[in-house]
Amino acid sequence: MHPPDEGKARERVRFGTDGWRGQIARDFTFANVARVAHATAGFLLSDARKGLPLYRDWGAPYRPAANGIVVGYDTRFLSREFAWHFARVVRDRGLPVAVASNFVSTPALSHAVVDRRAACGVMFTASHNPPSDSGIKIKSEYGGSAPLDVTAVIESLLPEEAPEPRSPEGAVSPVDLRAPYLARVRRLIDPGRLTSSPVRVVADAMYGSAQGYVAELLTGYGVDHLQIRSIPNVLFGGKKPEPLEENLVPLRAVIASLPRRGAPVIGVATDGDGDRVAAMDEQGGYLDPHVTFALLLRYLIVERRWRGVVVKSVNQTDMATAIAREHGLEVVEIPVGFRFAAEQILKKDVLIAAEESGSIAVRGHIPERDGVLSSLLLVEMAACAGKPLSHLVQSLEDDLGPHAYRRRDLVVAAPLGVVSRLRDAPPDRFAGWDVKSVETLDGIKLRFDEGWVLFRASGTEPILRTYCEMRSDEAVLRVLDEAERMARGELTLW
């Protein structure tokens, strides 16, 4: 194998909707980490920073560079070493910097930015990417993902190369970011509801950096639980640490092994950096992110008596819209990318915000998705209901009708061309259903009486993402099959 071309590796530092990710030792190198550190410090020291929309239009707080940077890292290979390398470069530029004393979840790092009133947060994680990857997420002062105009400035300030750090590790302070974060989560939980009836919890950390968080919180409340995949493993057991059904076989197996008698079981899983959540019922039934969001939304409105704006991404369920409107709440639909949710949270009184990926943020916390808090709220919901989780899912279906959802990512030659053709000439019928309306907030969304299908092109790969929600699995597959035939040129709609 030939070594990577260093010039090309330098060119590969590109920030997407949630940071920069790359392959360790090929794109993601100590040299490139130093370049990003140099540029991030330069951004904080720049006078042009004050004029950005997040301060001018969003209402985000502005903190001077002298407030410094707080750095966190996950359980991936070399994450700690990358974090300290970054911190030493920042220290060389004269800015205060603190590094987590141990691996932490992304929400814990985001909370630390707000709690410590830092000018910026930097999290070393590739989230749910394969074990071969690492990444950097930039967090603005409000504790959420930095918008693209921030990362665009950082990209523009990237030097051709950055000098090796001179400051020793001892010049940078290690800090405990976990304990203050868990204390914050405790303030958002209702202990009376959480312990109102017995439940048994299986907490799956997927070898990620939120390992032990859910267990520690449940222990404090005396809730029966066990934890799995809760040790560091840089290979994540050979799976991507993404809480999709196919990656949660160990969670299902543990639930199936538990005695059927006694308190009902609920399974919760967090992804590689702890900002996403997934759930399983007592029978090992996987709750897709749409059902999970709808259940939590209904619980917070009906039981917690919360009010506020409901924010959901364009690829999220119509069930949430129906629940919100039933209770007279405003619904705001946003493009895909949690930075759009953060913007709404800063501008409005938001009750809850969610994306299709299992990303959920709730009021009173940071404008950031949080898989640990979501896990505790799901347990609280189950305990408060005093019923198995499968019964709550059935109740949701009884109230709102059946729900089926799937996503299919297609490798095609020109995904943007497919979306453009649909935008220019949307069909009147699709897969046998009349198209009632066409939405263009993010990609192209065709609405039917029975549901919808969304087409979105990846900005970095030759992938067309197709999402579909209908009233049956059969209908979903029928729509997605037609979408695939159309995308591959096997079917002409025009």
Protein backbone atom coordinates (compact mmCIF):
# COMPACT_ATOMS: atom_id res chain seq x y z
CA MET A 1 0.00 0.00 0.00
CA HIS A 2 1.34 3.43 -0.93
CA PRO A 3 1.40 6.16 1.72
CA PRO A 4 -1.22 8.90 1.29
CA ASP A 5 -0.23 11.92 -0.75
CA GLU A 6 0.29 14.66 1.84
CA GLY A 7 -0.86 17.40 -0.53
CA LYS A 8 -4.14 15.61 -1.21
CA ALA A 9 -4.59 14.91 2.50
CA ARG A 10 -4.33 18.62 3.17
CA GLU A 11 -7.00 19.34 0.56
CA ARG A 12 -9.43 16.92 2.20
CA VAL A 13 -10.21 19.10 5.22
CA ARG A 14 -13.80 20.04 4.41
CA PHE A 15 -16.54 20.79 6.91
CA GLY A 16 -20.02 19.44 6.22
CA THR A 17 -23.29 19.98 8.04
CA ASP A 18 -21.89 18.59 11.29
CA GLY A 19 -18.14 18.97 11.15
CA TRP A 20 -15.18 17.44 9.36
CA ARG A 21 -14.68 13.69 9.16
CA GLY A 22 -11.94 11.67 7.54
CA GLN A 23 -10.11 8.38 7.56
CA ILE A 24 -7.52 8.11 10.32
CA ALA A 25 -3.92 8.36 9.03
CA ARG A 26 -5.09 9.17 5.50
CA ASP A 27 -7.18 12.34 5.76
CA PHE A 28 -7.43 12.67 9.50
CA THR A 29 -3.80 13.22 10.52
CA PHE A 30 -2.01 15.10 13.29
CA ALA A 31 -0.82 17.59 10.67
CA ASN A 32 -4.38 18.33 9.55
CA VAL A 33 -5.59 18.51 13.15
CA ALA A 34 -2.93 21.15 13.81
CA ARG A 35 -4.12 23.12 10.77
CA VAL A 36 -7.72 23.06 12.02
CA ALA A 37 -6.57 24.11 15.50
CA HIS A 38 -4.59 27.02 14.04
CA ALA A 39 -7.58 28.11 11.93
CA THR A 40 -10.10 27.75 14.79
CA ALA A 41 -7.97 29.98 17.00
CA GLY A 42 -7.67 32.42 14.11
CA PHE A 43 -11.44 32.50 13.72
CA LEU A 44 -11.94 33.30 17.41
CA LEU A 45 -9.37 36.09 17.21
CA SER A 46 -10.88 37.59 14.04
CA ASP A 47 -12.83 40.85 14.25
CA ALA A 48 -15.02 39.66 11.34
CA ARG A 49 -16.49 37.02 13.63
CA LYS A 50 -18.78 39.55 15.33
CA GLY A 51 -20.73 40.22 12.14
CA LEU A 52 -21.88 36.64 11.54
CA PRO A 53 -25.64 35.90 11.41
CA LEU A 54 -25.61 33.68 14.50
CA TYR A 55 -24.90 36.78 16.62
CA ARG A 56 -26.72 39.32 14.47
CA ASP A 57 -29.88 37.34 13.58
CA TRP A 58 -30.07 34.26 15.78
CA GLY A 59 -29.55 35.95 19.14
CA ALA A 60 -26.61 33.70 20.05
CA PRO A 61 -24.29 34.99 22.80
CA TYR A 62 -20.94 36.43 21.76
CA ARG A 63 -17.98 35.55 23.94
CA PRO A 64 -14.48 36.89 23.37
CA ALA A 65 -11.62 34.63 22.36
CA ALA A 66 -10.16 35.15 25.84
CA ASN A 67 -12.93 32.90 27.18
CA GLY A 68 -11.06 30.07 25.51
CA ILE A 69 -11.87 26.69 24.03
CA VAL A 70 -13.01 23.47 25.68
CA VAL A 71 -12.08 20.21 23.95
CA GLY A 72 -13.65 16.77 24.28
CA TYR A 73 -13.05 13.40 22.66
CA ASP A 74 -14.78 10.03 22.19
CA THR A 75 -13.59 6.41 22.47
CA ARG A 76 -12.14 6.12 18.96
CA PHE A 77 -8.56 5.23 18.14
CA LEU A 78 -6.24 8.17 18.90
CA SER A 79 -9.10 10.49 19.87
CA ARG A 80 -7.39 11.52 23.10
CA GLU A 81 -4.07 12.12 21.35
CA PHE A 82 -5.72 14.19 18.61
CA ALA A 83 -7.54 16.27 21.24
CA TRP A 84 -4.37 17.08 23.15
CA HIS A 85 -2.49 17.87 19.94
CA PHE A 86 -5.23 20.33 18.99
CA ALA A 87 -5.21 21.89 22.47
CA ARG A 88 -1.46 22.46 22.45
CA VAL A 89 -1.63 24.28 19.10
CA VAL A 90 -4.41 26.51 20.44
CA ARG A 91 -2.35 27.20 23.55
CA ASP A 92 0.58 28.20 21.36
CA ARG A 93 -1.67 30.86 19.81
CA GLY A 94 -2.22 32.36 23.25
CA LEU A 95 -5.78 31.20 23.93
CA PRO A 96 -6.93 29.42 27.11
CA VAL A 97 -7.89 25.82 26.47
CA ALA A 98 -9.16 22.96 28.61
CA VAL A 99 -9.35 19.28 27.64
CA ALA A 100 -11.71 16.64 29.03
CA SER A 101 -9.97 14.44 31.58
CA ASN A 102 -11.59 11.36 30.01
CA PHE A 103 -13.71 10.53 26.98
CA VAL A 104 -17.10 12.24 26.99
CA SER A 105 -20.28 12.35 24.97
CA THR A 106 -20.84 15.17 22.51
CA PRO A 107 -23.76 16.59 24.57
CA ALA A 108 -21.45 16.68 27.61
CA LEU A 109 -18.93 18.73 25.62
CA SER A 110 -21.70 20.99 24.32
CA HIS A 111 -23.00 21.52 27.85
CA ALA A 112 -19.47 22.39 29.00
CA VAL A 113 -19.27 25.18 26.41
CA VAL A 114 -22.33 26.83 27.97
CA ASP A 115 -21.48 25.92 31.56
CA ARG A 116 -17.93 27.28 31.32
CA ARG A 117 -18.96 30.25 29.12
CA ALA A 118 -16.34 29.24 26.57
CA ALA A 119 -15.94 30.98 23.22
CA CYS A 120 -15.98 27.65 21.41
CA GLY A 121 -16.13 23.89 21.86
CA VAL A 122 -14.36 21.23 19.83
CA MET A 123 -15.38 17.57 19.95
CA PHE A 124 -13.19 14.84 18.47
CA THR A 125 -15.62 12.25 17.18
CA ALA A 126 -16.82 10.66 13.97
CA SER A 127 -20.17 9.98 15.65
CA HIS A 128 -21.71 6.89 14.00
CA ASN A 129 -19.09 6.55 11.21
CA PRO A 130 -17.03 3.35 10.80
CA PRO A 131 -14.16 2.71 13.26
CA SER A 132 -11.58 3.75 10.66
CA ASP A 133 -12.81 7.35 10.78
CA SER A 134 -12.34 10.27 13.13
CA GLY A 135 -13.72 13.78 13.04
CA ILE A 136 -14.11 17.22 14.56
CA LYS A 137 -17.36 18.91 15.52
CA ILE A 138 -17.22 22.66 16.21
CA LYS A 139 -19.65 23.95 18.86
CA SER A 140 -20.57 27.61 19.11
CA GLU A 141 -21.13 29.54 22.34
CA TYR A 142 -24.75 28.39 22.65
CA GLY A 143 -23.69 24.75 22.87
CA GLY A 144 -24.90 23.63 19.45
CA SER A 145 -23.27 22.81 16.13
CA ALA A 146 -21.61 25.78 14.48
CA PRO A 147 -23.43 26.97 11.34
CA LEU A 148 -21.83 26.66 7.94
CA ASP A 149 -20.82 30.31 7.79
CA VAL A 150 -18.64 29.69 10.87
CA THR A 151 -16.97 26.57 9.52
CA ALA A 152 -16.57 28.28 6.13
CA VAL A 153 -14.46 30.98 7.82
CA ILE A 154 -12.42 28.31 9.63
CA GLU A 155 -11.82 26.56 6.31
CA SER A 156 -10.71 29.85 4.73
CA LEU A 157 -8.14 30.32 7.51
CA LEU A 158 -6.56 26.87 7.16
CA PRO A 159 -2.80 27.33 6.68
CA GLU A 160 -0.91 25.26 4.15
CA GLU A 161 0.71 23.67 7.17
CA ALA A 162 0.85 24.42 10.88
CA PRO A 163 3.94 24.20 13.08
CA GLU A 164 4.29 21.39 15.56
CA PRO A 165 2.92 22.41 18.98
CA ARG A 166 5.50 23.75 21.42
CA SER A 167 3.39 23.81 24.56
CA PRO A 168 3.70 20.64 26.66
CA GLU A 169 0.58 18.78 27.78
CA GLY A 170 1.15 20.19 31.24
CA ALA A 171 0.38 23.69 29.95
CA VAL A 172 -3.22 22.62 29.29
CA SER A 173 -5.72 21.84 32.05
CA PRO A 174 -7.63 18.53 32.10
CA VAL A 175 -11.18 19.08 33.37
CA ASP A 176 -14.09 16.84 34.38
CA LEU A 177 -16.88 17.45 31.88
CA ARG A 178 -18.95 14.38 32.76
CA ALA A 179 -20.08 15.23 36.31
CA PRO A 180 -21.45 18.73 35.55
CA TYR A 181 -23.29 17.34 32.52
CA LEU A 182 -24.93 14.51 34.48
CA ALA A 183 -25.95 17.03 37.14
CA ARG A 184 -27.68 19.05 34.41
CA VAL A 185 -29.55 16.02 33.08
CA ARG A 186 -30.77 15.21 36.60
CA ARG A 187 -32.42 18.62 36.78
CA LEU A 188 -34.46 17.78 33.68
CA ILE A 189 -35.77 14.44 34.95
CA ASP A 190 -38.89 14.07 37.09
CA PRO A 191 -37.91 11.54 39.81
CA GLY A 192 -41.53 11.02 40.85
CA ARG A 193 -42.56 9.95 37.37
CA LEU A 194 -39.35 7.98 36.76
CA THR A 195 -40.00 5.82 39.83
CA SER A 196 -43.81 5.80 39.71
CA SER A 197 -43.88 2.15 38.60
CA PRO A 198 -41.16 -0.47 38.23
CA VAL A 199 -39.36 -0.95 34.92
CA ARG A 200 -36.24 -2.83 33.89
CA VAL A 201 -33.88 -1.00 31.58
CA VAL A 202 -31.26 -2.43 29.23
CA ALA A 203 -28.88 0.38 28.29
CA ASP A 204 -26.74 -0.22 25.20
CA ALA A 205 -23.85 2.25 24.79
CA MET A 206 -22.60 0.58 21.58
CA TYR A 207 -19.03 0.97 22.96
CA GLY A 208 -19.43 4.73 22.56
CA SER A 209 -18.41 7.66 24.72
CA ALA A 210 -21.74 7.87 26.60
CA GLN A 211 -21.05 4.49 28.20
CA GLY A 212 -22.08 4.40 31.84
CA TYR A 213 -24.06 7.65 31.68
CA VAL A 214 -27.56 6.16 31.58
CA ALA A 215 -26.59 3.49 34.12
CA GLU A 216 -25.19 6.06 36.56
CA LEU A 217 -28.32 8.17 36.36
CA LEU A 218 -30.66 5.19 36.80
CA THR A 219 -28.59 3.95 39.75
CA GLY A 220 -29.12 7.29 41.45
CA TYR A 221 -32.88 6.88 41.15
CA GLY A 222 -32.90 3.21 42.15
CA VAL A 223 -34.20 2.03 38.76
CA ASP A 224 -33.47 -1.60 37.90
CA HIS A 225 -31.13 -1.80 34.92
CA LEU A 226 -28.20 -3.48 33.24
CA GLN A 227 -25.77 -2.09 30.71
CA ILE A 228 -24.23 -3.73 27.66
CA ARG A 229 -21.39 -2.81 25.27
CA SER A 230 -20.23 -0.38 27.92
CA ILE A 231 -16.46 -0.68 27.67
CA PRO A 232 -14.04 1.13 25.33
CA ASN A 233 -13.58 -0.73 22.05
CA VAL A 234 -12.02 1.20 19.18
CA LEU A 235 -13.48 -1.28 16.68
CA PHE A 236 -16.99 -0.99 18.16
CA GLY A 237 -17.41 -4.74 18.05
CA GLY A 238 -17.06 -4.74 14.28
CA LYS A 239 -20.17 -2.60 13.71
CA LYS A 240 -20.77 1.08 13.03
CA PRO A 241 -21.90 2.64 16.32
CA GLU A 242 -25.16 3.81 14.75
CA PRO A 243 -28.36 2.79 16.59
CA LEU A 244 -30.10 1.26 13.59
CA GLU A 245 -32.08 -1.93 14.00
CA GLU A 246 -29.45 -4.06 12.23
CA ASN A 247 -26.78 -2.84 14.66
CA LEU A 248 -28.80 -3.56 17.81
CA VAL A 249 -28.82 -7.37 17.65
CA PRO A 250 -27.03 -7.63 21.06
CA LEU A 251 -29.67 -5.41 22.66
CA ARG A 252 -32.48 -7.56 21.27
CA ALA A 253 -30.71 -10.74 22.41
CA VAL A 254 -30.32 -9.47 25.98
CA ILE A 255 -33.97 -8.38 26.13
CA ALA A 256 -35.03 -11.81 24.87
CA SER A 257 -32.94 -13.52 27.57
CA LEU A 258 -34.67 -11.75 30.45
CA PRO A 259 -37.52 -13.41 32.34
CA ARG A 260 -40.97 -12.47 31.03
CA ARG A 261 -42.43 -12.04 34.49
CA GLY A 262 -41.96 -8.95 36.60
CA ALA A 263 -41.55 -5.34 35.58
CA PRO A 264 -41.73 -4.53 31.84
CA VAL A 265 -38.44 -4.13 30.00
CA ILE A 266 -37.38 -1.17 27.90
CA GLY A 267 -34.19 -1.05 25.85
CA VAL A 268 -32.39 2.20 25.02
CA ALA A 269 -29.29 2.69 22.89
CA THR A 270 -26.98 5.63 22.30
CA ASP A 271 -24.65 6.04 19.34
CA GLY A 272 -20.87 6.46 19.20
CA ASP A 273 -20.82 9.95 20.71
CA GLY A 274 -24.06 9.83 22.67
CA ASP A 275 -26.17 12.36 20.79
CA ARG A 276 -28.64 9.91 19.18
CA VAL A 277 -31.11 7.51 20.74
CA ALA A 278 -32.98 4.34 19.76
CA ALA A 279 -35.45 2.24 21.73
CA MET A 280 -36.74 -1.34 21.91
CA ASP A 281 -39.85 -2.68 23.58
CA GLU A 282 -40.12 -5.64 25.94
CA GLN A 283 -40.46 -8.05 22.99
CA GLY A 284 -37.33 -6.78 21.25
CA GLY A 285 -39.40 -4.72 18.83
CA TYR A 286 -37.42 -1.82 17.38
CA LEU A 287 -39.00 1.61 17.59
CA ASP A 288 -38.04 3.64 14.56
CA PRO A 289 -37.02 7.27 15.25
CA HIS A 290 -40.40 8.57 14.12
CA VAL A 291 -42.37 6.51 16.61
CA THR A 292 -39.85 7.39 19.33
CA PHE A 293 -40.22 11.11 18.59
CA ALA A 294 -44.02 10.93 18.47
CA LEU A 295 -44.21 9.04 21.78
CA LEU A 296 -41.89 11.49 23.55
CA LEU A 297 -43.74 14.48 22.12
CA ARG A 298 -47.10 13.17 23.31
CA TYR A 299 -45.67 12.37 26.74
CA LEU A 300 -44.17 15.82 27.21
CA ILE A 301 -47.40 17.52 26.15
CA VAL A 302 -49.93 15.32 27.95
CA GLU A 303 -48.07 14.22 31.10
CA ARG A 304 -45.45 16.93 31.61
CA ARG A 305 -47.83 19.67 30.41
CA TRP A 306 -45.10 21.27 28.34
CA ARG A 307 -45.96 23.79 25.64
CA GLY A 308 -43.94 25.39 22.87
CA VAL A 309 -42.99 25.12 19.23
CA VAL A 310 -42.44 21.67 17.74
CA VAL A 311 -39.49 21.61 15.31
CA LYS A 312 -38.99 18.70 12.95
CA SER A 313 -36.82 18.04 9.95
CA VAL A 314 -38.34 17.62 6.50
CA ASN A 315 -37.75 13.85 6.68
CA GLN A 316 -39.54 13.45 10.03
CA THR A 317 -42.95 11.92 10.67
CA ASP A 318 -46.36 13.47 10.07
CA MET A 319 -47.43 11.86 13.36
CA ALA A 320 -45.63 14.63 15.24
CA THR A 321 -47.46 17.25 13.19
CA ALA A 322 -50.81 15.64 14.01
CA ILE A 323 -50.02 15.48 17.75
CA ALA A 324 -48.83 19.09 17.87
CA ARG A 325 -51.84 20.45 16.00
CA GLU A 326 -54.23 18.44 18.16
CA HIS A 327 -52.88 20.41 21.13
CA GLY A 328 -52.73 23.75 19.34
CA LEU A 329 -48.94 23.92 19.03
CA GLU A 330 -46.99 25.53 16.21
CA VAL A 331 -44.97 23.22 13.97
CA VAL A 332 -41.83 24.42 12.18
CA GLU A 333 -40.32 22.18 9.50
CA ILE A 334 -36.60 22.60 8.81
CA PRO A 335 -34.03 21.25 6.32
CA VAL A 336 -31.94 18.26 7.37
CA GLY A 337 -29.10 19.27 9.71
CA PHE A 338 -29.40 19.91 13.42
CA ARG A 339 -27.85 23.36 13.08
CA PHE A 340 -31.24 24.43 11.65
CA ALA A 341 -32.90 23.13 14.81
CA ALA A 342 -30.40 25.05 16.95
CA GLU A 343 -31.30 28.24 15.09
CA GLN A 344 -34.99 27.72 15.87
CA ILE A 345 -34.27 26.93 19.52
CA LEU A 346 -32.36 30.20 19.86
CA LYS A 347 -35.11 32.19 18.17
CA LYS A 348 -38.28 30.58 19.51
CA ASP A 349 -39.74 28.91 22.59
CA VAL A 350 -39.15 25.37 21.35
CA LEU A 351 -40.62 22.42 23.24
CA ILE A 352 -38.84 19.73 21.25
CA ALA A 353 -36.81 19.41 18.05
CA ALA A 354 -36.03 16.19 16.22
CA GLU A 355 -34.47 14.68 13.11
CA GLU A 356 -35.00 11.35 11.36
CA SER A 357 -31.70 10.01 12.70
CA GLY A 358 -32.84 9.67 16.33
CA SER A 359 -31.62 13.16 17.21
CA ILE A 360 -33.82 14.88 19.80
CA ALA A 361 -33.44 18.11 21.80
CA VAL A 362 -35.87 19.30 24.49
CA ARG A 363 -36.54 22.61 26.18
CA GLY A 364 -34.55 23.77 29.18
CA HIS A 365 -31.38 22.07 27.96
CA ILE A 366 -28.76 22.95 25.34
CA PRO A 367 -29.78 23.49 21.68
CA GLU A 368 -28.26 20.12 20.91
CA ARG A 369 -29.50 16.57 20.41
CA ASP A 370 -28.90 14.41 23.46
CA GLY A 371 -29.25 10.63 23.43
CA VAL A 372 -28.70 10.23 27.18
CA LEU A 373 -31.41 12.71 28.19
CA SER A 374 -33.73 11.19 25.58
CA SER A 375 -33.06 7.72 27.03
CA LEU A 376 -34.00 8.88 30.53
CA LEU A 377 -37.16 10.57 29.27
CA LEU A 378 -38.18 7.37 27.47
CA VAL A 379 -37.71 5.40 30.69
CA GLU A 380 -39.62 8.06 32.60
CA MET A 381 -42.44 7.83 30.04
CA ALA A 382 -42.65 4.03 30.37
CA ALA A 383 -42.60 4.15 34.18
CA CYS A 384 -45.23 6.88 34.27
CA ALA A 385 -47.53 4.89 31.98
CA GLY A 386 -47.09 1.71 34.00
CA LYS A 387 -47.48 -0.30 30.79
CA PRO A 388 -45.13 -2.17 28.45
CA LEU A 389 -43.66 -0.02 25.72
CA SER A 390 -45.39 -2.09 23.03
CA HIS A 391 -48.74 -1.00 24.50
CA LEU A 392 -47.77 2.65 24.17
CA VAL A 393 -46.81 2.09 20.53
CA GLN A 394 -50.14 0.39 19.89
CA SER A 395 -51.97 3.26 21.57
CA LEU A 396 -50.18 5.70 19.27
CA GLU A 397 -51.28 3.71 16.24
CA ASP A 398 -54.85 3.46 17.54
CA ASP A 399 -54.97 7.25 17.86
CA LEU A 400 -53.15 8.28 14.68
CA GLY A 401 -53.53 5.31 12.38
CA PRO A 402 -50.86 2.86 11.18
CA HIS A 403 -47.38 4.13 10.43
CA ALA A 404 -44.64 2.62 8.29
CA TYR A 405 -41.33 4.21 7.35
CA ARG A 406 -38.14 3.31 5.54
CA ARG A 407 -35.11 5.05 4.10
CA ARG A 408 -33.12 3.79 1.14
CA ASP A 409 -29.78 5.25 0.00
CA LEU A 410 -29.12 4.71 -3.71
CA VAL A 411 -25.73 4.91 -5.40
CA VAL A 412 -26.49 6.63 -8.71
CA ALA A 413 -24.42 8.54 -11.24
CA ALA A 414 -26.12 11.95 -10.93
CA PRO A 415 -28.27 12.30 -7.79
CA LEU A 416 -28.54 16.08 -8.19
CA GLY A 417 -29.86 15.54 -11.73
CA VAL A 418 -32.66 13.32 -10.42
CA VAL A 419 -33.68 15.94 -7.86
CA SER A 420 -33.50 18.72 -10.45
CA ARG A 421 -35.73 16.85 -12.90
CA LEU A 422 -38.29 16.20 -10.17
CA ARG A 423 -38.20 19.86 -9.17
CA ASP A 424 -38.64 21.09 -12.73
CA ALA A 425 -41.37 18.62 -13.69
CA PRO A 426 -42.93 16.81 -10.70
CA PRO A 427 -45.19 13.90 -11.65
CA ASP A 428 -48.96 13.93 -11.17
CA ARG A 429 -48.91 10.30 -10.02
CA PHE A 430 -46.22 8.21 -8.37
CA ALA A 431 -46.30 4.47 -7.67
CA GLY A 432 -50.08 4.53 -8.19
CA TRP A 433 -50.88 7.44 -5.85
CA ASP A 434 -51.96 10.92 -6.86
CA VAL A 435 -49.40 13.60 -5.96
CA LYS A 436 -51.33 16.16 -3.90
CA SER A 437 -48.49 18.65 -3.34
CA VAL A 438 -44.79 19.16 -3.95
CA GLU A 439 -42.43 20.60 -1.30
CA THR A 440 -38.93 21.92 -1.99
CA LEU A 441 -37.60 22.92 1.45
CA ASP A 442 -34.79 20.37 1.21
CA GLY A 443 -34.75 18.11 -1.82
CA ILE A 444 -38.13 17.22 -3.35
CA LYS A 445 -41.01 15.86 -1.29
CA LEU A 446 -44.05 14.38 -3.02
CA ARG A 447 -47.13 14.22 -0.82
CA PHE A 448 -50.00 11.76 -1.19
CA ASP A 449 -53.19 11.37 0.84
CA GLU A 450 -51.57 8.30 2.44
CA GLY A 451 -48.08 9.70 3.10
CA TRP A 452 -45.02 11.07 1.31
CA VAL A 453 -41.70 10.33 -0.38
CA LEU A 454 -38.63 12.58 -0.16
CA PHE A 455 -35.63 12.70 -2.52
CA ARG A 456 -32.38 14.31 -1.32
CA ALA A 457 -28.98 14.28 -3.03
CA SER A 458 -25.85 13.87 -0.95
CA GLY A 459 -23.55 16.84 -1.27
CA THR A 460 -20.37 14.76 -0.95
CA GLU A 461 -21.15 11.33 -2.43
CA PRO A 462 -22.96 9.94 -5.52
CA ILE A 463 -25.89 8.97 -3.31
CA LEU A 464 -29.58 9.75 -3.65
CA ARG A 465 -31.34 9.47 -0.30
CA THR A 466 -34.97 8.39 -0.48
CA TYR A 467 -37.30 8.52 2.53
CA CYS A 468 -40.89 7.33 2.65
CA GLU A 469 -43.70 7.33 5.22
CA MET A 470 -46.96 5.54 4.40
CA ARG A 471 -49.65 3.57 6.21
CA SER A 472 -48.22 0.11 5.53
CA ASP A 473 -44.88 -1.55 4.86
CA GLU A 474 -46.24 -2.77 1.54
CA ALA A 475 -47.00 0.79 0.43
CA VAL A 476 -43.58 2.04 1.56
CA LEU A 477 -41.77 -0.66 -0.39
CA ARG A 478 -43.89 0.01 -3.46
CA VAL A 479 -43.02 3.72 -3.39
CA LEU A 480 -39.31 3.16 -2.71
CA ASP A 481 -39.06 0.51 -5.43
CA GLU A 482 -40.53 2.95 -7.96
CA ALA A 483 -38.19 5.66 -6.69
CA GLU A 484 -35.22 3.37 -7.25
CA ARG A 485 -36.31 2.38 -10.75
CA MET A 486 -36.78 6.03 -11.64
CA ALA A 487 -33.39 7.04 -10.19
CA ARG A 488 -31.61 4.29 -12.11
CA GLY A 489 -33.25 5.23 -15.40
CA GLU A 490 -35.34 2.06 -15.59
CA LEU A 491 -38.60 4.04 -15.38
CA THR A 492 -39.47 7.34 -17.04
CA LEU A 493 -41.89 9.70 -15.34
CA TRP A 494 -41.54 12.44 -17.92
